[in-house]
Amino acid sequence: MLPGSPRRKAPTHGSTVEIAQAACETKYQWVPAGADAFECSGTPRPIADGARATLKFCDGLLCRAVFVIRPDSNQSSVWVHEFSRLRKRLEGSYGDPFEDKVVPDDCANDVLPCIRTGKAQAKYVWKFPNRSAIGLVFTHATGSDPVIRLTYAIDRPDAPAP
């Protein structure tokens, strides 16, 4: 964005690729990430420090946004705090979610090692009458790296629910 030009709004479901790209490129890098998908190295709207966005477009319109959050810490308490903060924010906006949480007793005091091995995970899903959904997951990504993933999906054939 050029100095003095108007601020760009963050993309929303139904935004075009061009709108999403312009919003991303005000501060971040925009790169292709597969068929009809792009990655923004940050998030135009604040979600969490260091969050990255992958945006999927269906018929040229934004239909799925996946935000990957990785707190810069090896402390379980930092990760749990960030996950809880996001969950509470979503509950405040959308009410109680469907919950699928697996945290064995021996993981309660230090959950990151259990997340890394797949022994523990937490998933919350909000579903809406228009068949859109929001998913919040604390799990491990490829390999054993822990990840918090926030997914917004609208009902479209090539945008599966979170």
C-alpha atoms as a PDB file:
ATOM      1  CA  MET A   1       0.000   0.000   0.000  1.00  0.00           C
ATOM      2  CA  LEU A   2       1.277   3.445  -0.840  1.00  0.00           C
ATOM      3  CA  PRO A   3       1.623   6.037   1.927  1.00  0.00           C
ATOM      4  CA  GLY A   4      -1.543   8.090   2.193  1.00  0.00           C
ATOM      5  CA  SER A   5      -3.708   5.529   0.381  1.00  0.00           C
ATOM      6  CA  PRO A   6      -6.894   4.341   2.109  1.00  0.00           C
ATOM      7  CA  ARG A   7      -6.693   1.395   4.505  1.00  0.00           C
ATOM      8  CA  ARG A   8      -7.768  -1.916   3.069  1.00  0.00           C
ATOM      9  CA  LYS A   9     -10.347  -3.987   4.880  1.00  0.00           C
ATOM     10  CA  ALA A  10      -9.519  -7.529   5.919  1.00  0.00           C
ATOM     11  CA  PRO A  11     -11.082 -10.082   3.569  1.00  0.00           C
ATOM     12  CA  THR A  12     -14.288 -11.841   4.561  1.00  0.00           C
ATOM     13  CA  HIS A  13     -16.097 -14.875   3.154  1.00  0.00           C
ATOM     14  CA  GLY A  14     -17.110 -14.043  -0.373  1.00  0.00           C
ATOM     15  CA  SER A  15     -14.126 -11.728  -0.960  1.00  0.00           C
ATOM     16  CA  THR A  16     -12.348 -12.060  -4.266  1.00  0.00           C
ATOM     17  CA  VAL A  17      -8.723 -13.141  -4.626  1.00  0.00           C
ATOM     18  CA  GLU A  18      -7.820  -9.552  -5.519  1.00  0.00           C
ATOM     19  CA  ILE A  19      -9.416  -8.112  -2.350  1.00  0.00           C
ATOM     20  CA  ALA A  20      -7.719 -10.714  -0.146  1.00  0.00           C
ATOM     21  CA  GLN A  21      -4.366 -10.208  -1.844  1.00  0.00           C
ATOM     22  CA  ALA A  22      -4.561  -6.417  -1.445  1.00  0.00           C
ATOM     23  CA  ALA A  23      -5.441  -6.780   2.258  1.00  0.00           C
ATOM     24  CA  CYS A  24      -2.547  -9.170   2.824  1.00  0.00           C
ATOM     25  CA  GLU A  25       0.046  -7.222   0.908  1.00  0.00           C
ATOM     26  CA  THR A  26      -0.427  -4.083   3.016  1.00  0.00           C
ATOM     27  CA  LYS A  27       1.978  -5.671   5.542  1.00  0.00           C
ATOM     28  CA  TYR A  28       2.670  -9.284   4.576  1.00  0.00           C
ATOM     29  CA  GLN A  29       3.799 -11.657   1.830  1.00  0.00           C
ATOM     30  CA  TRP A  30       1.213 -13.293  -0.473  1.00  0.00           C
ATOM     31  CA  VAL A  31       2.162 -16.580  -2.198  1.00  0.00           C
ATOM     32  CA  PRO A  32       0.282 -19.335  -4.044  1.00  0.00           C
ATOM     33  CA  ALA A  33      -0.356 -22.409  -1.872  1.00  0.00           C
ATOM     34  CA  GLY A  34      -2.027 -24.848  -4.255  1.00  0.00           C
ATOM     35  CA  ALA A  35      -5.013 -24.805  -6.576  1.00  0.00           C
ATOM     36  CA  ASP A  36      -7.174 -21.777  -5.771  1.00  0.00           C
ATOM     37  CA  ALA A  37      -5.330 -21.286  -2.456  1.00  0.00           C
ATOM     38  CA  PHE A  38      -2.938 -18.631  -1.220  1.00  0.00           C
ATOM     39  CA  GLU A  39      -0.923 -18.035   1.915  1.00  0.00           C
ATOM     40  CA  CYS A  40      -0.561 -14.712   3.680  1.00  0.00           C
ATOM     41  CA  SER A  41       2.428 -14.545   6.028  1.00  0.00           C
ATOM     42  CA  GLY A  42       0.294 -12.689   8.590  1.00  0.00           C
ATOM     43  CA  THR A  43      -3.308 -11.741   9.226  1.00  0.00           C
ATOM     44  CA  PRO A  44      -4.790  -8.378   8.198  1.00  0.00           C
ATOM     45  CA  ARG A  45      -7.045  -8.525  11.274  1.00  0.00           C
ATOM     46  CA  PRO A  46      -5.247  -9.302  14.543  1.00  0.00           C
ATOM     47  CA  ILE A  47      -5.847 -12.895  15.642  1.00  0.00           C
ATOM     48  CA  ALA A  48      -2.671 -13.851  17.481  1.00  0.00           C
ATOM     49  CA  ASP A  49       1.005 -12.951  17.341  1.00  0.00           C
ATOM     50  CA  GLY A  50       2.705 -14.740  14.469  1.00  0.00           C
ATOM     51  CA  ALA A  51      -0.528 -16.118  12.956  1.00  0.00           C
ATOM     52  CA  ARG A  52      -0.400 -17.064   9.277  1.00  0.00           C
ATOM     53  CA  ALA A  53      -3.388 -17.447   6.960  1.00  0.00           C
ATOM     54  CA  THR A  54      -4.119 -19.886   4.154  1.00  0.00           C
ATOM     55  CA  LEU A  55      -7.086 -18.799   2.077  1.00  0.00           C
ATOM     56  CA  LYS A  56      -9.060 -21.104  -0.247  1.00  0.00           C
ATOM     57  CA  PHE A  57     -11.232 -19.718  -3.028  1.00  0.00           C
ATOM     58  CA  CYS A  58     -14.226 -21.498  -4.538  1.00  0.00           C
ATOM     59  CA  ASP A  59     -15.518 -20.142  -7.826  1.00  0.00           C
ATOM     60  CA  GLY A  60     -13.269 -17.115  -7.294  1.00  0.00           C
ATOM     61  CA  LEU A  61     -14.640 -16.237  -3.832  1.00  0.00           C
ATOM     62  CA  LEU A  62     -13.138 -16.799  -0.384  1.00  0.00           C
ATOM     63  CA  CYS A  63     -14.752 -19.922   1.077  1.00  0.00           C
ATOM     64  CA  ARG A  64     -12.229 -21.142   3.649  1.00  0.00           C
ATOM     65  CA  ALA A  65      -9.686 -19.393   5.835  1.00  0.00           C
ATOM     66  CA  VAL A  66      -7.235 -21.356   7.963  1.00  0.00           C
ATOM     67  CA  PHE A  67      -5.172 -19.475  10.526  1.00  0.00           C
ATOM     68  CA  VAL A  68      -2.158 -21.257  11.987  1.00  0.00           C
ATOM     69  CA  ILE A  69      -0.961 -20.008  15.354  1.00  0.00           C
ATOM     70  CA  ARG A  70       2.295 -21.103  16.957  1.00  0.00           C
ATOM     71  CA  PRO A  71       3.125 -19.192  20.137  1.00  0.00           C
ATOM     72  CA  ASP A  72       6.849 -18.543  20.434  1.00  0.00           C
ATOM     73  CA  SER A  73       7.295 -20.654  23.566  1.00  0.00           C
ATOM     74  CA  ASN A  74       7.955 -24.184  24.739  1.00  0.00           C
ATOM     75  CA  GLN A  75       5.840 -23.599  27.845  1.00  0.00           C
ATOM     76  CA  SER A  76       2.530 -25.458  27.890  1.00  0.00           C
ATOM     77  CA  SER A  77       0.941 -22.634  29.861  1.00  0.00           C
ATOM     78  CA  VAL A  78       1.582 -20.130  27.030  1.00  0.00           C
ATOM     79  CA  TRP A  79      -0.017 -22.422  24.440  1.00  0.00           C
ATOM     80  CA  VAL A  80      -2.986 -23.269  26.684  1.00  0.00           C
ATOM     81  CA  HIS A  81      -3.516 -19.579  27.442  1.00  0.00           C
ATOM     82  CA  GLU A  82      -3.577 -18.684  23.720  1.00  0.00           C
ATOM     83  CA  PHE A  83      -5.933 -21.557  22.867  1.00  0.00           C
ATOM     84  CA  SER A  84      -8.247 -20.641  25.771  1.00  0.00           C
ATOM     85  CA  ARG A  85      -8.212 -16.963  24.770  1.00  0.00           C
ATOM     86  CA  LEU A  86      -9.319 -17.833  21.237  1.00  0.00           C
ATOM     87  CA  ARG A  87     -11.974 -20.278  22.484  1.00  0.00           C
ATOM     88  CA  LYS A  88     -13.447 -17.722  24.895  1.00  0.00           C
ATOM     89  CA  ARG A  89     -13.524 -15.077  22.183  1.00  0.00           C
ATOM     90  CA  LEU A  90     -15.382 -17.433  19.847  1.00  0.00           C
ATOM     91  CA  GLU A  91     -17.764 -18.555  22.606  1.00  0.00           C
ATOM     92  CA  GLY A  92     -18.524 -14.899  23.339  1.00  0.00           C
ATOM     93  CA  SER A  93     -19.516 -14.387  19.708  1.00  0.00           C
ATOM     94  CA  TYR A  94     -21.091 -17.735  18.786  1.00  0.00           C
ATOM     95  CA  GLY A  95     -22.091 -19.521  21.997  1.00  0.00           C
ATOM     96  CA  ASP A  96     -21.142 -22.989  23.144  1.00  0.00           C
ATOM     97  CA  PRO A  97     -19.314 -25.203  20.633  1.00  0.00           C
ATOM     98  CA  PHE A  98     -19.306 -28.926  20.040  1.00  0.00           C
ATOM     99  CA  GLU A  99     -16.308 -30.158  22.035  1.00  0.00           C
ATOM    100  CA  ASP A 100     -13.985 -33.060  21.253  1.00  0.00           C
ATOM    101  CA  LYS A 101     -11.201 -32.900  23.802  1.00  0.00           C
ATOM    102  CA  VAL A 102      -8.726 -35.614  24.707  1.00  0.00           C
ATOM    103  CA  VAL A 103      -6.336 -34.659  27.503  1.00  0.00           C
ATOM    104  CA  PRO A 104      -5.363 -37.650  29.649  1.00  0.00           C
ATOM    105  CA  ASP A 105      -4.761 -36.992  33.354  1.00  0.00           C
ATOM    106  CA  ASP A 106      -1.013 -37.487  32.979  1.00  0.00           C
ATOM    107  CA  CYS A 107      -0.981 -34.647  30.409  1.00  0.00           C
ATOM    108  CA  ALA A 108      -2.934 -32.094  32.443  1.00  0.00           C
ATOM    109  CA  ASN A 109       0.091 -30.310  33.948  1.00  0.00           C
ATOM    110  CA  ASP A 110       2.257 -30.276  30.798  1.00  0.00           C
ATOM    111  CA  VAL A 111       0.192 -30.742  27.665  1.00  0.00           C
ATOM    112  CA  LEU A 112       2.749 -29.875  24.952  1.00  0.00           C
ATOM    113  CA  PRO A 113       4.634 -33.203  25.080  1.00  0.00           C
ATOM    114  CA  CYS A 114       1.294 -35.010  24.772  1.00  0.00           C
ATOM    115  CA  ILE A 115       0.212 -32.774  21.877  1.00  0.00           C
ATOM    116  CA  ARG A 116       3.515 -33.515  20.122  1.00  0.00           C
ATOM    117  CA  THR A 117       2.983 -37.277  20.359  1.00  0.00           C
ATOM    118  CA  GLY A 118      -0.716 -37.152  19.475  1.00  0.00           C
ATOM    119  CA  LYS A 119      -1.745 -38.387  22.925  1.00  0.00           C
ATOM    120  CA  ALA A 120      -3.695 -35.164  23.574  1.00  0.00           C
ATOM    121  CA  GLN A 121      -5.694 -32.765  21.429  1.00  0.00           C
ATOM    122  CA  ALA A 122      -8.607 -30.380  21.734  1.00  0.00           C
ATOM    123  CA  LYS A 123     -11.134 -29.465  19.068  1.00  0.00           C
ATOM    124  CA  TYR A 124     -14.097 -27.112  19.237  1.00  0.00           C
ATOM    125  CA  VAL A 125     -16.552 -26.658  16.363  1.00  0.00           C
ATOM    126  CA  TRP A 126     -19.332 -24.139  15.857  1.00  0.00           C
ATOM    127  CA  LYS A 127     -21.854 -25.056  13.134  1.00  0.00           C
ATOM    128  CA  PHE A 128     -24.406 -22.669  11.693  1.00  0.00           C
ATOM    129  CA  PRO A 129     -27.783 -23.080   9.937  1.00  0.00           C
ATOM    130  CA  ASN A 130     -26.255 -21.969   6.621  1.00  0.00           C
ATOM    131  CA  ARG A 131     -23.903 -24.978   6.959  1.00  0.00           C
ATOM    132  CA  SER A 132     -20.868 -22.808   7.565  1.00  0.00           C
ATOM    133  CA  ALA A 133     -18.565 -23.759  10.415  1.00  0.00           C
ATOM    134  CA  ILE A 134     -15.736 -22.519  12.591  1.00  0.00           C
ATOM    135  CA  GLY A 135     -13.185 -24.938  14.014  1.00  0.00           C
ATOM    136  CA  LEU A 136     -10.553 -24.364  16.669  1.00  0.00           C
ATOM    137  CA  VAL A 137      -8.026 -27.178  17.112  1.00  0.00           C
ATOM    138  CA  PHE A 138      -4.969 -27.657  19.341  1.00  0.00           C
ATOM    139  CA  THR A 139      -3.056 -30.595  17.918  1.00  0.00           C
ATOM    140  CA  HIS A 140       0.223 -31.521  16.237  1.00  0.00           C
ATOM    141  CA  ALA A 141       1.015 -30.633  12.655  1.00  0.00           C
ATOM    142  CA  THR A 142       3.219 -32.535  10.241  1.00  0.00           C
ATOM    143  CA  GLY A 143       5.876 -34.199  12.330  1.00  0.00           C
ATOM    144  CA  SER A 144       5.434 -33.417  15.977  1.00  0.00           C
ATOM    145  CA  ASP A 145       5.207 -29.633  16.006  1.00  0.00           C
ATOM    146  CA  PRO A 146       2.253 -28.390  18.044  1.00  0.00           C
ATOM    147  CA  VAL A 147      -0.176 -26.064  16.292  1.00  0.00           C
ATOM    148  CA  ILE A 148      -3.320 -24.106  17.040  1.00  0.00           C
ATOM    149  CA  ARG A 149      -5.488 -23.973  13.932  1.00  0.00           C
ATOM    150  CA  LEU A 150      -8.535 -21.735  13.512  1.00  0.00           C
ATOM    151  CA  THR A 151     -10.682 -22.494  10.457  1.00  0.00           C
ATOM    152  CA  TYR A 152     -13.625 -20.582   9.009  1.00  0.00           C
ATOM    153  CA  ALA A 153     -15.452 -22.466   6.248  1.00  0.00           C
ATOM    154  CA  ILE A 154     -18.540 -21.619   4.237  1.00  0.00           C
ATOM    155  CA  ASP A 155     -20.681 -24.344   2.679  1.00  0.00           C
ATOM    156  CA  ARG A 156     -19.275 -24.879  -0.791  1.00  0.00           C
ATOM    157  CA  PRO A 157     -18.498 -28.176  -2.537  1.00  0.00           C
ATOM    158  CA  ASP A 158     -14.713 -27.788  -2.359  1.00  0.00           C
ATOM    159  CA  ALA A 159     -14.546 -26.200   1.101  1.00  0.00           C
ATOM    160  CA  PRO A 160     -14.934 -29.054   3.614  1.00  0.00           C
ATOM    161  CA  ALA A 161     -15.949 -28.249   7.170  1.00  0.00           C
ATOM    162  CA  PRO A 162     -13.174 -27.798   9.737  1.00  0.00           C
END
